Amino acid sequence: MSKIPFPAWERPHWQPSDEEALLQFYVFGKFLPGRAPSLDYGSEGLPEGVELTSHSHSSLRAWEGYPLKGGLGRMFKDDAPEAYQKAVDAPEVLVVRGRLPDSADTGYLRDTLGVLAALLDVGGVAILDPQTLSLNDAAGWRRQFVVRDGAPIRNHVLILRDTDEQQGRYWVHTRGMRKFGRPDISVRNVPEADSDRAGLLCERLVEIQALGAHFADGQELEAEGLPAGLVARLGGGYEDPEFNNTFVEFRWPE
């Protein structure tokens, strides 16, 4: 197959900050020896701060954070049974993980994705992204990310809708913004009729933040088509049970 380089988005809204990007992926397979051909995808290798460790699958199963067991494993088995089976049967697992300082472009993500794509070329059969709760076999991952001119930013995060505390209201929120060193988005108190609008709002805010923007606590959103009174509230942290990240939250007005 022809190789497609990954883009590195410039971040026109970026300003220096102490925020960090966090990357984590599991690649399952039986890998050929030698360097994976990441240059084919525009990557010279993993960026500084991101490391790759190799494990036998049998030894990793005993690890407390092993992602294919427990409730998370059952979810993957139900949602992606073919990819799950390929991952479970693979004899080796490569763990790609690291923290990086906030930066003015996303070259770090380009380089990491290029390595992941190359690992699929040398024996990888599935990639698991715990930040977006996603497990894809090699073909599915390529369809989503190895896209000419680059996959849209939306493909790198998960947007969810759950019932909220108030009956008849929903909570629309994201996972995966740690890849960009930014808070996840949370929109509370959304009427069912406005769920699509809230989802589109999350998608737009994901893109703005991925391109470098920050929200200040108390900042009001003002844009055509949005209800008045959407005010940003900052919270969370890496230990937050719902996001594993900081978040910026808005409450849909009554």
Protein backbone atom coordinates (compact mmCIF):
# COMPACT_ATOMS: atom_id res chain seq x y z
CA MET A 1 0.00 0.00 0.00
CA SER A 2 1.17 3.56 -0.57
CA LYS A 3 2.39 5.34 2.54
CA ILE A 4 0.77 8.59 3.64
CA PRO A 5 2.70 10.98 5.92
CA PHE A 6 0.89 12.31 8.96
CA PRO A 7 0.41 16.08 9.35
CA ALA A 8 1.74 18.24 12.17
CA TRP A 9 -0.89 20.87 12.84
CA GLU A 10 0.32 24.38 13.49
CA ARG A 11 -1.35 25.85 16.57
CA PRO A 12 -2.29 29.45 15.75
CA HIS A 13 -3.89 30.01 19.20
CA TRP A 14 -0.92 28.61 21.14
CA GLN A 15 0.71 30.49 24.00
CA PRO A 16 3.41 29.09 26.28
CA SER A 17 2.03 27.19 29.27
CA ASP A 18 3.01 24.56 31.82
CA GLU A 19 0.53 22.04 30.39
CA GLU A 20 1.73 18.63 29.21
CA ALA A 21 0.60 16.27 26.47
CA LEU A 22 0.26 12.62 27.44
CA LEU A 23 0.40 9.79 24.90
CA GLN A 24 -0.29 6.12 25.58
CA PHE A 25 -0.91 3.24 23.17
CA TYR A 26 -0.69 -0.56 23.23
CA VAL A 27 0.31 -2.32 20.00
CA PHE A 28 -0.39 -6.07 19.88
CA GLY A 29 1.29 -8.46 17.45
CA LYS A 30 4.32 -10.58 16.59
CA PHE A 31 6.97 -8.13 15.46
CA LEU A 32 9.81 -8.48 12.97
CA PRO A 33 13.26 -7.54 14.31
CA GLY A 34 14.79 -4.20 13.36
CA ARG A 35 13.58 -0.63 13.10
CA ALA A 36 10.00 -0.05 11.97
CA PRO A 37 9.88 2.02 8.73
CA SER A 38 8.41 5.18 10.28
CA LEU A 39 10.15 7.44 7.74
CA ASP A 40 7.59 6.17 5.23
CA TYR A 41 5.00 8.05 7.29
CA GLY A 42 7.01 11.26 7.75
CA SER A 43 8.32 10.31 11.20
CA GLU A 44 11.97 10.08 12.22
CA GLY A 45 10.96 8.06 15.27
CA LEU A 46 9.40 8.66 18.65
CA PRO A 47 9.85 12.19 19.99
CA GLU A 48 11.95 12.87 23.07
CA GLY A 49 9.88 12.06 26.12
CA VAL A 50 8.02 9.14 24.53
CA GLU A 51 9.37 5.63 24.98
CA LEU A 52 8.54 2.19 23.60
CA THR A 53 8.80 -0.89 25.79
CA SER A 54 8.41 -4.48 24.63
CA HIS A 55 6.62 -7.13 26.65
CA SER A 56 5.59 -10.73 26.26
CA HIS A 57 1.81 -10.77 26.37
CA SER A 58 1.78 -13.49 29.02
CA SER A 59 3.81 -11.34 31.43
CA LEU A 60 1.74 -8.21 30.78
CA ARG A 61 -1.51 -9.98 31.70
CA ALA A 62 -0.45 -9.93 35.35
CA TRP A 63 0.04 -6.15 35.32
CA GLU A 64 -2.52 -4.20 37.36
CA GLY A 65 -3.18 -1.80 34.47
CA TYR A 66 -3.56 -4.51 31.81
CA PRO A 67 -6.34 -3.11 29.59
CA LEU A 68 -7.91 -6.33 28.25
CA LYS A 69 -9.23 -7.57 31.59
CA GLY A 70 -12.07 -6.54 33.87
CA GLY A 71 -14.81 -4.18 32.80
CA LEU A 72 -12.63 -2.46 30.21
CA GLY A 73 -11.76 -5.78 28.61
CA ARG A 74 -15.43 -6.80 28.49
CA MET A 75 -16.29 -3.49 26.82
CA PHE A 76 -13.65 -4.04 24.11
CA LYS A 77 -14.83 -7.63 23.62
CA ASP A 78 -18.42 -6.45 23.11
CA ASP A 79 -17.64 -3.36 21.00
CA ALA A 80 -14.81 -4.71 18.81
CA PRO A 81 -14.86 -8.53 19.03
CA GLU A 82 -12.59 -9.18 16.03
CA ALA A 83 -9.95 -6.68 17.12
CA TYR A 84 -10.23 -7.94 20.69
CA GLN A 85 -9.57 -11.53 19.62
CA LYS A 86 -6.56 -10.51 17.54
CA ALA A 87 -5.18 -8.55 20.49
CA VAL A 88 -5.79 -11.36 22.98
CA ASP A 89 -4.11 -13.92 20.72
CA ALA A 90 -1.02 -11.78 20.00
CA PRO A 91 2.16 -13.06 21.71
CA GLU A 92 3.80 -9.63 22.08
CA VAL A 93 2.74 -6.15 23.23
CA LEU A 94 4.57 -2.88 22.63
CA VAL A 95 3.66 -0.06 25.01
CA VAL A 96 4.20 3.47 23.70
CA ARG A 97 3.93 6.09 26.42
CA GLY A 98 5.25 9.50 27.37
CA ARG A 99 4.67 13.05 28.58
CA LEU A 100 5.74 16.04 26.56
CA PRO A 101 5.80 19.79 27.24
CA ASP A 102 3.18 21.93 25.53
CA SER A 103 4.42 22.99 22.09
CA ALA A 104 3.53 25.29 19.22
CA ASP A 105 2.75 22.43 16.81
CA THR A 106 1.79 18.78 17.01
CA GLY A 107 4.92 17.31 15.46
CA TYR A 108 5.19 15.04 18.51
CA LEU A 109 1.83 13.46 17.63
CA ARG A 110 2.76 13.12 13.95
CA ASP A 111 5.98 11.34 14.85
CA THR A 112 4.25 8.99 17.29
CA LEU A 113 1.45 8.11 14.88
CA GLY A 114 4.04 7.45 12.19
CA VAL A 115 5.74 4.92 14.45
CA LEU A 116 2.40 3.26 15.26
CA ALA A 117 1.58 2.95 11.55
CA ALA A 118 5.03 1.50 10.87
CA LEU A 119 4.58 -1.07 13.66
CA LEU A 120 1.49 -2.35 11.86
CA ASP A 121 3.71 -2.91 8.82
CA VAL A 122 6.09 -5.16 10.78
CA GLY A 123 3.66 -7.43 12.58
CA GLY A 124 1.21 -5.32 14.58
CA VAL A 125 -2.37 -6.60 14.45
CA ALA A 126 -4.23 -4.21 16.80
CA ILE A 127 -3.78 -0.87 18.56
CA LEU A 128 -5.48 0.06 21.83
CA ASP A 129 -5.83 3.69 22.92
CA PRO A 130 -6.90 3.78 26.59
CA GLN A 131 -7.45 7.54 26.47
CA THR A 132 -10.28 7.21 23.96
CA LEU A 133 -11.34 3.71 25.09
CA SER A 134 -10.78 2.42 21.56
CA LEU A 135 -9.40 -0.85 20.17
CA ASN A 136 -8.88 -1.24 16.42
CA ASP A 137 -7.42 -3.99 14.31
CA ALA A 138 -4.71 -2.94 11.85
CA ALA A 139 -7.11 -2.29 8.96
CA GLY A 140 -9.52 -0.29 11.13
CA TRP A 141 -6.75 1.85 12.61
CA ARG A 142 -5.38 2.63 9.16
CA ARG A 143 -8.85 3.62 7.90
CA GLN A 144 -9.22 6.06 10.77
CA PHE A 145 -5.75 7.58 10.88
CA VAL A 146 -3.77 6.86 7.71
CA VAL A 147 -5.77 9.37 5.69
CA ARG A 148 -4.49 11.50 2.84
CA ASP A 149 -4.01 15.11 4.02
CA GLY A 150 -4.40 13.86 7.58
CA ALA A 151 -7.25 12.50 9.66
CA PRO A 152 -9.46 15.22 11.17
CA ILE A 153 -8.75 16.22 14.75
CA ARG A 154 -12.16 14.74 15.65
CA ASN A 155 -10.77 11.24 14.96
CA HIS A 156 -8.32 11.60 17.83
CA VAL A 157 -10.90 12.06 20.59
CA LEU A 158 -14.08 10.39 21.81
CA ILE A 159 -17.35 12.33 22.27
CA LEU A 160 -19.87 10.66 24.59
CA ARG A 161 -23.45 11.29 25.66
CA ASP A 162 -24.60 10.03 29.06
CA THR A 163 -27.65 10.71 31.18
CA ASP A 164 -27.12 13.62 33.57
CA GLU A 165 -28.28 14.01 37.15
CA GLN A 166 -31.52 15.77 36.22
CA GLN A 167 -34.15 13.59 34.55
CA GLY A 168 -34.44 14.20 30.82
CA ARG A 169 -31.07 15.94 30.65
CA TYR A 170 -27.81 14.67 29.20
CA TRP A 171 -24.10 15.07 29.75
CA VAL A 172 -22.05 15.45 26.55
CA HIS A 173 -18.31 15.14 27.11
CA THR A 174 -15.01 14.13 25.57
CA ARG A 175 -12.05 11.86 26.25
CA GLY A 176 -8.60 12.07 24.68
CA MET A 177 -7.65 15.73 24.90
CA ARG A 178 -4.56 14.83 26.94
CA LYS A 179 -2.95 14.00 23.57
CA PHE A 180 -3.01 17.73 22.91
CA GLY A 181 -2.15 18.83 26.45
CA ARG A 182 -5.59 20.35 26.91
CA PRO A 183 -8.62 19.82 29.17
CA ASP A 184 -11.46 17.61 28.06
CA ILE A 185 -14.80 19.25 27.33
CA SER A 186 -17.88 18.73 29.50
CA VAL A 187 -21.36 20.08 28.75
CA ARG A 188 -23.94 19.40 31.46
CA ASN A 189 -27.72 19.74 31.67
CA VAL A 190 -28.32 19.27 27.92
CA PRO A 191 -31.95 18.67 26.82
CA GLU A 192 -32.34 15.71 24.48
CA ALA A 193 -33.46 18.03 21.69
CA ASP A 194 -30.17 19.93 21.97
CA SER A 195 -27.88 16.88 22.14
CA ASP A 196 -26.69 17.26 18.56
CA ARG A 197 -25.94 20.96 19.09
CA ALA A 198 -23.97 20.12 22.23
CA GLY A 199 -22.06 17.42 20.34
CA LEU A 200 -21.17 19.86 17.58
CA LEU A 201 -20.10 22.38 20.23
CA CYS A 202 -17.79 19.77 21.77
CA GLU A 203 -16.35 18.99 18.35
CA ARG A 204 -15.65 22.66 17.70
CA LEU A 205 -14.09 23.23 21.13
CA VAL A 206 -11.93 20.13 20.68
CA GLU A 207 -10.57 21.59 17.44
CA ILE A 208 -9.98 25.05 18.93
CA GLN A 209 -8.10 23.60 21.89
CA ALA A 210 -6.10 21.15 19.77
CA LEU A 211 -4.94 24.18 17.78
CA GLY A 212 -3.63 25.74 20.99
CA ALA A 213 -6.45 27.70 22.61
CA HIS A 214 -6.99 27.94 26.38
CA PHE A 215 -10.20 28.72 28.27
CA ALA A 216 -10.17 30.89 31.36
CA ASP A 217 -12.34 30.11 34.37
CA GLY A 218 -15.49 32.21 34.07
CA GLN A 219 -15.06 32.84 30.34
CA GLU A 220 -18.39 33.06 28.50
CA LEU A 221 -18.89 31.47 25.10
CA GLU A 222 -20.44 33.77 22.56
CA ALA A 223 -21.15 32.42 19.10
CA GLU A 224 -24.00 32.35 16.63
CA GLY A 225 -26.35 29.45 17.28
CA LEU A 226 -25.34 28.95 20.92
CA PRO A 227 -27.59 29.75 23.88
CA ALA A 228 -26.52 32.62 26.10
CA GLY A 229 -25.02 31.83 29.47
CA LEU A 230 -22.49 29.12 28.62
CA VAL A 231 -19.69 29.87 31.09
CA ALA A 232 -16.44 27.91 31.37
CA ARG A 233 -15.58 26.31 34.71
CA LEU A 234 -12.21 24.61 35.08
CA GLY A 235 -11.65 21.49 37.16
CA GLY A 236 -10.37 17.94 37.30
CA GLY A 237 -6.87 16.51 37.13
CA TYR A 238 -5.08 13.36 36.00
CA GLU A 239 -6.64 11.45 38.92
CA ASP A 240 -10.18 12.58 38.09
CA PRO A 241 -12.24 9.35 37.80
CA GLU A 242 -14.44 10.59 34.94
CA PHE A 243 -11.82 12.20 32.69
CA ASN A 244 -8.35 11.16 33.90
CA ASN A 245 -7.61 14.72 32.88
CA THR A 246 -8.43 18.31 33.64
CA PHE A 247 -11.68 19.54 32.12
CA VAL A 248 -13.48 22.70 31.09
CA GLU A 249 -17.19 22.45 31.86
CA PHE A 250 -20.23 24.34 30.62
CA ARG A 251 -23.79 24.08 31.86
CA TRP A 252 -26.56 24.30 29.28
CA PRO A 253 -29.00 26.97 30.43
CA GLU A 254 -32.52 26.07 31.53
